[in-house]
């Protein structure tokens, strides 16, 4: 079976970083506060346990958030489902292709994504995640891990141009996600729906 590799953030769901950071008292930020960025990277690459991550966030930010507050903030980051994505995945699967997630994500966001978005995740049982591989896209280790588990995908979509470029360097068919309508047109053009 040929698989389609599907990024999660800004493709399957609309991330809401401002809600996360506002809840933690940072205002409506789109990017990580400077002191948080390296801690998130370590966690999303699997170098920290969840408990270590929360301790490091508290220490680096000089705040006394509880575990529950930090986990709630993280869950807020996941935002809302991309309209039409669940139906699009169903059509891809009906056409005889597989779908696997391919995402830079922490173990907590992986778990929360499956819990919060069952219409999408109920159709896609597997994927490759940065916390399992120890690297972010476009590191070749991520693409290699996907190839080992699922083969070279028939199509890979991601919102980040650098990740698309990394895939193209490996000879993957890759397309930058901007909206669901354009994505569906690309899938139809490739006869994937």
C-alpha atoms as a PDB file:
ATOM      1  CA  UNK A   1       0.000   0.000   0.000  1.00  0.00           C
ATOM      2  CA  UNK A   2       1.214   3.499  -0.830  1.00  0.00           C
ATOM      3  CA  UNK A   3       0.959   6.075   1.944  1.00  0.00           C
ATOM      4  CA  UNK A   4       0.333   9.780   2.020  1.00  0.00           C
ATOM      5  CA  UNK A   5       2.439  11.591   4.674  1.00  0.00           C
ATOM      6  CA  UNK A   6       0.394  14.233   6.446  1.00  0.00           C
ATOM      7  CA  UNK A   7       1.717  16.917   8.791  1.00  0.00           C
ATOM      8  CA  UNK A   8      -0.580  17.704  11.729  1.00  0.00           C
ATOM      9  CA  UNK A   9      -0.133  21.357  12.787  1.00  0.00           C
ATOM     10  CA  UNK A  10      -1.685  23.848  10.341  1.00  0.00           C
ATOM     11  CA  UNK A  11      -2.709  20.947   8.078  1.00  0.00           C
ATOM     12  CA  UNK A  12      -5.000  18.697  10.141  1.00  0.00           C
ATOM     13  CA  UNK A  13      -5.583  21.242  12.892  1.00  0.00           C
ATOM     14  CA  UNK A  14      -5.267  24.976  13.215  1.00  0.00           C
ATOM     15  CA  UNK A  15      -2.744  25.529  15.993  1.00  0.00           C
ATOM     16  CA  UNK A  16      -3.632  28.185  18.560  1.00  0.00           C
ATOM     17  CA  UNK A  17      -0.376  29.246  20.179  1.00  0.00           C
ATOM     18  CA  UNK A  18      -1.891  32.595  21.275  1.00  0.00           C
ATOM     19  CA  UNK A  19      -4.447  30.765  23.471  1.00  0.00           C
ATOM     20  CA  UNK A  20      -1.681  28.726  25.101  1.00  0.00           C
ATOM     21  CA  UNK A  21       0.578  31.670  25.816  1.00  0.00           C
ATOM     22  CA  UNK A  22      -2.255  33.987  26.899  1.00  0.00           C
ATOM     23  CA  UNK A  23      -3.337  31.372  29.446  1.00  0.00           C
ATOM     24  CA  UNK A  24       0.227  31.380  30.818  1.00  0.00           C
ATOM     25  CA  UNK A  25       0.243  35.189  31.023  1.00  0.00           C
ATOM     26  CA  UNK A  26       2.352  35.964  27.934  1.00  0.00           C
ATOM     27  CA  UNK A  27      -0.327  37.741  25.910  1.00  0.00           C
ATOM     28  CA  UNK A  28      -1.392  36.779  22.406  1.00  0.00           C
ATOM     29  CA  UNK A  29       1.963  35.439  21.167  1.00  0.00           C
ATOM     30  CA  UNK A  30       2.377  33.448  17.955  1.00  0.00           C
ATOM     31  CA  UNK A  31       5.909  32.300  18.793  1.00  0.00           C
ATOM     32  CA  UNK A  32       7.369  30.688  21.881  1.00  0.00           C
ATOM     33  CA  UNK A  33       8.724  33.038  24.530  1.00  0.00           C
ATOM     34  CA  UNK A  34      12.502  33.000  24.080  1.00  0.00           C
ATOM     35  CA  UNK A  35      13.149  31.181  27.348  1.00  0.00           C
ATOM     36  CA  UNK A  36      10.682  28.412  26.435  1.00  0.00           C
ATOM     37  CA  UNK A  37      11.828  27.631  22.909  1.00  0.00           C
ATOM     38  CA  UNK A  38      14.832  25.382  23.705  1.00  0.00           C
ATOM     39  CA  UNK A  39      12.845  23.537  26.386  1.00  0.00           C
ATOM     40  CA  UNK A  40      10.013  22.791  23.936  1.00  0.00           C
ATOM     41  CA  UNK A  41      12.558  21.613  21.364  1.00  0.00           C
ATOM     42  CA  UNK A  42      14.135  19.182  23.828  1.00  0.00           C
ATOM     43  CA  UNK A  43      10.710  17.815  24.773  1.00  0.00           C
ATOM     44  CA  UNK A  44       9.423  17.567  21.198  1.00  0.00           C
ATOM     45  CA  UNK A  45      12.590  15.695  20.230  1.00  0.00           C
ATOM     46  CA  UNK A  46      12.074  13.217  23.067  1.00  0.00           C
ATOM     47  CA  UNK A  47      15.081  14.267  25.143  1.00  0.00           C
ATOM     48  CA  UNK A  48      12.946  15.132  28.189  1.00  0.00           C
ATOM     49  CA  UNK A  49      10.202  13.257  29.970  1.00  0.00           C
ATOM     50  CA  UNK A  50       6.958  15.127  30.531  1.00  0.00           C
ATOM     51  CA  UNK A  51       7.893  15.753  34.194  1.00  0.00           C
ATOM     52  CA  UNK A  52      11.373  16.998  33.236  1.00  0.00           C
ATOM     53  CA  UNK A  53       9.839  19.275  30.600  1.00  0.00           C
ATOM     54  CA  UNK A  54       7.422  20.857  33.068  1.00  0.00           C
ATOM     55  CA  UNK A  55      10.169  21.349  35.654  1.00  0.00           C
ATOM     56  CA  UNK A  56      12.449  22.991  33.059  1.00  0.00           C
ATOM     57  CA  UNK A  57       9.658  25.280  31.822  1.00  0.00           C
ATOM     58  CA  UNK A  58       8.968  26.451  35.372  1.00  0.00           C
ATOM     59  CA  UNK A  59      12.686  26.999  36.054  1.00  0.00           C
ATOM     60  CA  UNK A  60      13.512  28.741  32.766  1.00  0.00           C
ATOM     61  CA  UNK A  61      10.459  31.012  33.004  1.00  0.00           C
ATOM     62  CA  UNK A  62      10.719  31.634  36.758  1.00  0.00           C
ATOM     63  CA  UNK A  63       7.037  30.739  37.256  1.00  0.00           C
ATOM     64  CA  UNK A  64       5.267  28.358  39.635  1.00  0.00           C
ATOM     65  CA  UNK A  65       2.667  26.893  37.274  1.00  0.00           C
ATOM     66  CA  UNK A  66       1.147  23.610  38.413  1.00  0.00           C
ATOM     67  CA  UNK A  67       1.378  20.515  36.221  1.00  0.00           C
ATOM     68  CA  UNK A  68      -2.352  20.880  35.512  1.00  0.00           C
ATOM     69  CA  UNK A  69      -1.910  24.495  34.356  1.00  0.00           C
ATOM     70  CA  UNK A  70       0.951  23.601  32.028  1.00  0.00           C
ATOM     71  CA  UNK A  71      -0.893  20.625  30.546  1.00  0.00           C
ATOM     72  CA  UNK A  72      -4.016  22.726  30.042  1.00  0.00           C
ATOM     73  CA  UNK A  73      -1.934  25.376  28.248  1.00  0.00           C
ATOM     74  CA  UNK A  74      -0.433  22.689  26.016  1.00  0.00           C
ATOM     75  CA  UNK A  75      -3.855  21.317  25.175  1.00  0.00           C
ATOM     76  CA  UNK A  76      -5.077  24.819  24.218  1.00  0.00           C
ATOM     77  CA  UNK A  77      -2.295  25.003  21.645  1.00  0.00           C
ATOM     78  CA  UNK A  78      -4.010  22.333  19.544  1.00  0.00           C
ATOM     79  CA  UNK A  79      -6.776  24.717  18.491  1.00  0.00           C
ATOM     80  CA  UNK A  80      -9.480  23.449  16.135  1.00  0.00           C
ATOM     81  CA  UNK A  81      -9.830  20.833  13.413  1.00  0.00           C
ATOM     82  CA  UNK A  82      -9.109  21.914   9.850  1.00  0.00           C
ATOM     83  CA  UNK A  83     -12.577  21.964   8.220  1.00  0.00           C
ATOM     84  CA  UNK A  84     -12.898  19.218   5.630  1.00  0.00           C
ATOM     85  CA  UNK A  85      -9.759  17.294   6.604  1.00  0.00           C
ATOM     86  CA  UNK A  86     -11.571  14.324   8.189  1.00  0.00           C
ATOM     87  CA  UNK A  87     -13.685  13.910   5.047  1.00  0.00           C
ATOM     88  CA  UNK A  88     -10.636  14.265   2.813  1.00  0.00           C
ATOM     89  CA  UNK A  89      -8.751  11.565   4.725  1.00  0.00           C
ATOM     90  CA  UNK A  90     -11.783   9.280   4.384  1.00  0.00           C
ATOM     91  CA  UNK A  91     -11.737   9.788   0.598  1.00  0.00           C
ATOM     92  CA  UNK A  92      -8.012   9.030   0.386  1.00  0.00           C
ATOM     93  CA  UNK A  93      -8.521   5.801   2.319  1.00  0.00           C
ATOM     94  CA  UNK A  94     -11.531   4.836   0.185  1.00  0.00           C
ATOM     95  CA  UNK A  95      -9.281   5.218  -2.860  1.00  0.00           C
ATOM     96  CA  UNK A  96      -6.998   2.481  -1.538  1.00  0.00           C
ATOM     97  CA  UNK A  97      -4.132   4.575  -0.188  1.00  0.00           C
ATOM     98  CA  UNK A  98      -2.937   4.770   3.400  1.00  0.00           C
ATOM     99  CA  UNK A  99      -2.445   7.917   5.445  1.00  0.00           C
ATOM    100  CA  UNK A 100       0.228   8.325   8.121  1.00  0.00           C
ATOM    101  CA  UNK A 101       0.940  11.382  10.233  1.00  0.00           C
ATOM    102  CA  UNK A 102       4.412  12.938   9.931  1.00  0.00           C
ATOM    103  CA  UNK A 103       4.836  15.582  12.589  1.00  0.00           C
ATOM    104  CA  UNK A 104       7.140  17.472  14.917  1.00  0.00           C
ATOM    105  CA  UNK A 105       5.255  16.808  18.142  1.00  0.00           C
ATOM    106  CA  UNK A 106       5.744  15.964  21.788  1.00  0.00           C
ATOM    107  CA  UNK A 107       4.368  12.779  23.288  1.00  0.00           C
ATOM    108  CA  UNK A 108       1.748  14.886  25.105  1.00  0.00           C
ATOM    109  CA  UNK A 109       0.551  16.647  21.949  1.00  0.00           C
ATOM    110  CA  UNK A 110       0.476  13.303  20.132  1.00  0.00           C
ATOM    111  CA  UNK A 111      -1.769  11.862  22.857  1.00  0.00           C
ATOM    112  CA  UNK A 112      -3.942  14.987  23.069  1.00  0.00           C
ATOM    113  CA  UNK A 113      -4.333  15.189  19.294  1.00  0.00           C
ATOM    114  CA  UNK A 114      -5.747  11.651  19.280  1.00  0.00           C
ATOM    115  CA  UNK A 115      -8.017  12.455  22.221  1.00  0.00           C
ATOM    116  CA  UNK A 116      -9.349  15.798  20.971  1.00  0.00           C
ATOM    117  CA  UNK A 117      -9.820  15.036  17.269  1.00  0.00           C
ATOM    118  CA  UNK A 118     -11.270  11.512  16.906  1.00  0.00           C
ATOM    119  CA  UNK A 119     -12.928  12.267  13.552  1.00  0.00           C
ATOM    120  CA  UNK A 120      -9.442  12.669  12.088  1.00  0.00           C
ATOM    121  CA  UNK A 121      -7.337  10.380  14.258  1.00  0.00           C
ATOM    122  CA  UNK A 122      -9.811   7.515  14.243  1.00  0.00           C
ATOM    123  CA  UNK A 123      -8.942   7.012  10.585  1.00  0.00           C
ATOM    124  CA  UNK A 124      -5.138   7.232  10.940  1.00  0.00           C
ATOM    125  CA  UNK A 125      -3.708   4.776  13.462  1.00  0.00           C
ATOM    126  CA  UNK A 126      -0.002   5.435  12.926  1.00  0.00           C
ATOM    127  CA  UNK A 127       2.636   8.003  12.137  1.00  0.00           C
ATOM    128  CA  UNK A 128       6.181   9.213  12.679  1.00  0.00           C
ATOM    129  CA  UNK A 129       6.805  11.850  15.345  1.00  0.00           C
ATOM    130  CA  UNK A 130       9.840  13.929  16.279  1.00  0.00           C
ATOM    131  CA  UNK A 131       9.760  12.774  19.909  1.00  0.00           C
ATOM    132  CA  UNK A 132      10.246   9.172  18.718  1.00  0.00           C
ATOM    133  CA  UNK A 133      13.013   9.997  16.234  1.00  0.00           C
ATOM    134  CA  UNK A 134      14.983  12.588  18.235  1.00  0.00           C
ATOM    135  CA  UNK A 135      14.928  15.178  15.455  1.00  0.00           C
ATOM    136  CA  UNK A 136      12.763  17.839  13.806  1.00  0.00           C
ATOM    137  CA  UNK A 137      11.964  17.989  10.115  1.00  0.00           C
ATOM    138  CA  UNK A 138      13.809  18.733   7.840  1.00  0.00           C
ATOM    139  CA  UNK A 139      16.487  16.596   9.523  1.00  0.00           C
ATOM    140  CA  UNK A 140      17.059  13.555   7.248  1.00  0.00           C
ATOM    141  CA  UNK A 141      16.482  11.256  10.255  1.00  0.00           C
ATOM    142  CA  UNK A 142      12.779  12.124  10.151  1.00  0.00           C
ATOM    143  CA  UNK A 143      12.389  11.275   6.459  1.00  0.00           C
ATOM    144  CA  UNK A 144      14.426   8.093   6.905  1.00  0.00           C
ATOM    145  CA  UNK A 145      12.188   7.016   9.793  1.00  0.00           C
ATOM    146  CA  UNK A 146       9.089   7.535   7.649  1.00  0.00           C
ATOM    147  CA  UNK A 147      10.584   5.594   4.743  1.00  0.00           C
ATOM    148  CA  UNK A 148      11.531   2.696   7.029  1.00  0.00           C
ATOM    149  CA  UNK A 149       8.000   2.416   8.402  1.00  0.00           C
ATOM    150  CA  UNK A 150       5.842   3.360   5.407  1.00  0.00           C
ATOM    151  CA  UNK A 151       8.078   3.608   2.333  1.00  0.00           C
ATOM    152  CA  UNK A 152       8.428   6.739   0.216  1.00  0.00           C
ATOM    153  CA  UNK A 153       5.027   8.463   0.354  1.00  0.00           C
ATOM    154  CA  UNK A 154       2.945   8.958  -2.746  1.00  0.00           C
ATOM    155  CA  UNK A 155       2.525  12.564  -1.525  1.00  0.00           C
ATOM    156  CA  UNK A 156       3.697  14.532   1.499  1.00  0.00           C
ATOM    157  CA  UNK A 157       2.020  17.759   2.573  1.00  0.00           C
ATOM    158  CA  UNK A 158       3.229  20.240   5.197  1.00  0.00           C
ATOM    159  CA  UNK A 159       2.713  23.965   5.753  1.00  0.00           C
ATOM    160  CA  UNK A 160       6.443  24.696   6.218  1.00  0.00           C
ATOM    161  CA  UNK A 161       8.488  25.316   3.058  1.00  0.00           C
ATOM    162  CA  UNK A 162      11.731  24.037   4.634  1.00  0.00           C
ATOM    163  CA  UNK A 163      10.098  20.666   5.342  1.00  0.00           C
ATOM    164  CA  UNK A 164       8.826  20.443   1.772  1.00  0.00           C
ATOM    165  CA  UNK A 165      12.335  21.285   0.510  1.00  0.00           C
ATOM    166  CA  UNK A 166      13.828  18.542   2.709  1.00  0.00           C
ATOM    167  CA  UNK A 167      11.380  16.026   1.268  1.00  0.00           C
ATOM    168  CA  UNK A 168      12.079  17.098  -2.317  1.00  0.00           C
ATOM    169  CA  UNK A 169      15.812  16.610  -1.723  1.00  0.00           C
ATOM    170  CA  UNK A 170      14.998  12.960  -0.955  1.00  0.00           C
ATOM    171  CA  UNK A 171      12.988  12.621  -4.139  1.00  0.00           C
ATOM    172  CA  UNK A 172       9.593  12.696  -2.430  1.00  0.00           C
ATOM    173  CA  UNK A 173       6.545  14.158  -4.123  1.00  0.00           C
ATOM    174  CA  UNK A 174       5.796  17.019  -1.731  1.00  0.00           C
ATOM    175  CA  UNK A 175       3.315  19.873  -1.721  1.00  0.00           C
ATOM    176  CA  UNK A 176       2.995  22.880   0.596  1.00  0.00           C
ATOM    177  CA  UNK A 177      -0.349  23.012   2.377  1.00  0.00           C
ATOM    178  CA  UNK A 178      -2.088  26.397   2.349  1.00  0.00           C
ATOM    179  CA  UNK A 179      -5.789  25.481   2.565  1.00  0.00           C
ATOM    180  CA  UNK A 180      -8.064  22.477   2.271  1.00  0.00           C
ATOM    181  CA  UNK A 181      -9.501  23.445  -1.140  1.00  0.00           C
ATOM    182  CA  UNK A 182      -6.089  23.640  -2.810  1.00  0.00           C
ATOM    183  CA  UNK A 183      -5.071  20.410  -1.088  1.00  0.00           C
ATOM    184  CA  UNK A 184      -8.143  18.637  -2.454  1.00  0.00           C
ATOM    185  CA  UNK A 185      -7.375  19.950  -5.952  1.00  0.00           C
ATOM    186  CA  UNK A 186      -3.841  18.561  -5.682  1.00  0.00           C
ATOM    187  CA  UNK A 187      -5.170  15.184  -4.489  1.00  0.00           C
ATOM    188  CA  UNK A 188      -7.679  15.068  -7.354  1.00  0.00           C
ATOM    189  CA  UNK A 189      -4.964  15.975  -9.860  1.00  0.00           C
ATOM    190  CA  UNK A 190      -2.891  13.041  -8.558  1.00  0.00           C
ATOM    191  CA  UNK A 191      -5.982  10.772  -8.530  1.00  0.00           C
ATOM    192  CA  UNK A 192      -5.680  10.261  -4.775  1.00  0.00           C
ATOM    193  CA  UNK A 193      -9.343  11.201  -4.250  1.00  0.00           C
END
